[in-house]
Amino acid sequence: MNKHNAEFWLRVSYWTGAIVDGIAAMAMLFPTLTKFFLGFEPIPDPAYRFAINMGAALMLGWTVLLLWADQDPLARKGVLLITVFPVIAGIVGMEIYAVASEFIPLSKMVPTWALQILLIFLFSASYLNAARYEQKDLHSG
């Protein structure tokens, strides 16, 4: 693993995460997209809109965080680990609850879970590759 390769995969991870988070934020902000992606009509309740808009703001913040990490990919590789846990893991936990309580149909969650599994593998592999590169570079230099 060389520096270019390690940085390449980190950047792929940061940008992939930023794009996915940006799409998720749009789905939260625009009820028509929520219905399309998750199969339920968002509740036209001020408390629901308040909570979902707070979540969208956090999702947009995470998008910016991933783009910030891209500016110094090796030094900021830890952002990928905290994106996997607690962020993705926490979201998956809530999705499992939503399916178990029959709020969201399992058929709507399967594609989301497949994407989340791919993100977990991509982010973890990119982090580990970068850590291996830094370990090798530390011992050879």
Protein backbone atom coordinates (compact mmCIF):
# COMPACT_ATOMS: atom_id res chain seq x y z
CA MET A 1 0.00 0.00 0.00
CA ASN A 2 1.44 3.34 -1.02
CA LYS A 3 0.39 6.84 0.03
CA HIS A 4 -1.45 7.56 -3.22
CA ASN A 5 -3.51 4.36 -2.93
CA ALA A 6 -4.33 4.99 0.75
CA GLU A 7 -5.44 8.57 0.05
CA PHE A 8 -7.43 7.49 -3.01
CA TRP A 9 -9.57 5.03 -1.02
CA LEU A 10 -10.02 7.49 1.84
CA ARG A 11 -11.25 10.09 -0.63
CA VAL A 12 -13.60 7.60 -2.29
CA SER A 13 -15.01 6.89 1.17
CA TYR A 14 -15.38 10.55 2.15
CA TRP A 15 -17.13 11.49 -1.09
CA THR A 16 -19.35 8.41 -1.12
CA GLY A 17 -20.44 9.14 2.43
CA ALA A 18 -21.02 12.83 1.67
CA ILE A 19 -23.19 12.01 -1.33
CA VAL A 20 -25.25 9.41 0.55
CA ASP A 21 -25.69 11.78 3.52
CA GLY A 22 -26.69 14.63 1.21
CA ILE A 23 -29.36 12.45 -0.41
CA ALA A 24 -30.59 11.34 3.02
CA ALA A 25 -30.83 14.97 4.17
CA MET A 26 -32.89 15.85 1.09
CA ALA A 27 -35.22 12.92 1.80
CA MET A 28 -35.66 14.25 5.33
CA LEU A 29 -36.32 17.81 4.20
CA PHE A 30 -38.75 16.97 1.39
CA PRO A 31 -41.70 14.72 2.39
CA THR A 32 -42.27 13.49 -1.18
CA LEU A 33 -38.80 11.91 -1.14
CA THR A 34 -39.47 10.33 2.26
CA LYS A 35 -42.52 8.59 0.81
CA PHE A 36 -40.54 7.45 -2.24
CA PHE A 37 -37.56 6.07 -0.29
CA LEU A 38 -39.27 4.70 2.83
CA GLY A 39 -42.84 4.07 1.76
CA PHE A 40 -44.67 6.12 4.35
CA GLU A 41 -46.30 9.50 4.31
CA PRO A 42 -44.49 11.83 6.73
CA ILE A 43 -46.70 13.04 9.53
CA PRO A 44 -47.82 16.65 8.92
CA ASP A 45 -47.25 17.42 12.58
CA PRO A 46 -45.13 20.34 13.84
CA ALA A 47 -43.32 18.10 16.36
CA TYR A 48 -42.45 15.59 13.63
CA ARG A 49 -41.23 18.33 11.27
CA PHE A 50 -39.17 19.84 14.08
CA ALA A 51 -37.50 16.51 14.87
CA ILE A 52 -36.91 15.52 11.23
CA ASN A 53 -35.50 18.94 10.37
CA MET A 54 -33.10 18.69 13.32
CA GLY A 55 -32.03 15.31 11.97
CA ALA A 56 -31.60 16.79 8.49
CA ALA A 57 -29.38 19.54 9.90
CA LEU A 58 -27.19 16.91 11.57
CA MET A 59 -27.08 14.89 8.34
CA LEU A 60 -25.99 17.98 6.40
CA GLY A 61 -23.39 18.66 9.09
CA TRP A 62 -22.01 15.14 8.66
CA THR A 63 -21.87 15.73 4.90
CA VAL A 64 -19.70 18.79 5.51
CA LEU A 65 -17.57 16.86 8.03
CA LEU A 66 -16.80 14.18 5.44
CA LEU A 67 -15.87 16.83 2.86
CA TRP A 68 -13.65 18.50 5.48
CA ALA A 69 -11.94 15.14 6.14
CA ASP A 70 -11.21 14.91 2.41
CA GLN A 71 -9.01 18.00 2.69
CA ASP A 72 -6.42 16.09 4.78
CA PRO A 73 -7.39 12.47 4.19
CA LEU A 74 -4.75 10.59 6.17
CA ALA A 75 -4.79 12.83 9.22
CA ARG A 76 -8.59 12.77 9.39
CA LYS A 77 -9.15 9.07 8.66
CA GLY A 78 -10.70 8.63 12.13
CA VAL A 79 -13.81 10.38 10.83
CA LEU A 80 -14.56 7.14 8.98
CA LEU A 81 -14.54 5.10 12.19
CA ILE A 82 -16.97 7.41 13.96
CA THR A 83 -19.11 7.39 10.82
CA VAL A 84 -19.36 3.59 11.11
CA PHE A 85 -19.93 3.62 14.86
CA PRO A 86 -21.97 5.25 16.30
CA VAL A 87 -23.54 6.93 13.23
CA ILE A 88 -24.31 4.12 10.76
CA ALA A 89 -24.70 1.54 13.54
CA GLY A 90 -27.14 3.82 15.35
CA ILE A 91 -29.17 4.44 12.23
CA VAL A 92 -29.33 0.70 11.49
CA GLY A 93 -30.52 0.07 15.05
CA MET A 94 -33.38 2.54 14.61
CA GLU A 95 -34.24 1.00 11.23
CA ILE A 96 -34.40 -2.47 12.77
CA TYR A 97 -36.78 -1.09 15.39
CA ALA A 98 -38.90 0.56 12.67
CA VAL A 99 -39.19 -2.72 10.75
CA ALA A 100 -39.83 -4.78 13.90
CA SER A 101 -42.63 -2.41 14.91
CA GLU A 102 -44.03 -2.64 11.35
CA PHE A 103 -43.68 1.11 10.83
CA ILE A 104 -41.50 0.61 7.73
CA PRO A 105 -41.89 -2.45 5.49
CA LEU A 106 -38.91 -4.80 5.40
CA SER A 107 -38.91 -4.57 1.59
CA LYS A 108 -38.14 -0.83 1.83
CA MET A 109 -35.23 -1.37 4.24
CA VAL A 110 -33.39 -4.17 2.42
CA PRO A 111 -31.83 -1.84 -0.21
CA THR A 112 -30.90 0.65 2.52
CA TRP A 113 -29.27 -2.08 4.60
CA ALA A 114 -27.34 -3.33 1.56
CA LEU A 115 -26.02 0.21 1.01
CA GLN A 116 -25.13 0.56 4.69
CA ILE A 117 -23.24 -2.75 4.67
CA LEU A 118 -21.28 -1.59 1.62
CA LEU A 119 -20.48 1.71 3.35
CA ILE A 120 -19.31 -0.08 6.49
CA PHE A 121 -16.98 -2.29 4.45
CA LEU A 122 -15.70 0.60 2.30
CA PHE A 123 -15.07 2.90 5.27
CA SER A 124 -13.47 0.16 7.39
CA ALA A 125 -11.22 -1.10 4.58
CA SER A 126 -10.15 2.44 3.67
CA TYR A 127 -9.33 3.23 7.29
CA LEU A 128 -7.38 -0.02 7.76
CA ASN A 129 -5.45 0.45 4.50
CA ALA A 130 -4.46 3.97 5.53
CA ALA A 131 -3.45 2.77 9.01
CA ARG A 132 -1.31 0.00 7.45
CA TYR A 133 0.34 2.54 5.15
CA GLU A 134 1.12 4.84 8.08
CA GLN A 135 2.49 1.93 10.15
CA LYS A 136 4.70 0.82 7.24
CA ASP A 137 5.84 4.38 6.59
CA LEU A 138 6.61 4.88 10.30
CA HIS A 139 8.80 1.75 10.42
CA SER A 140 10.57 2.37 7.10
CA GLY A 141 11.35 6.03 7.69
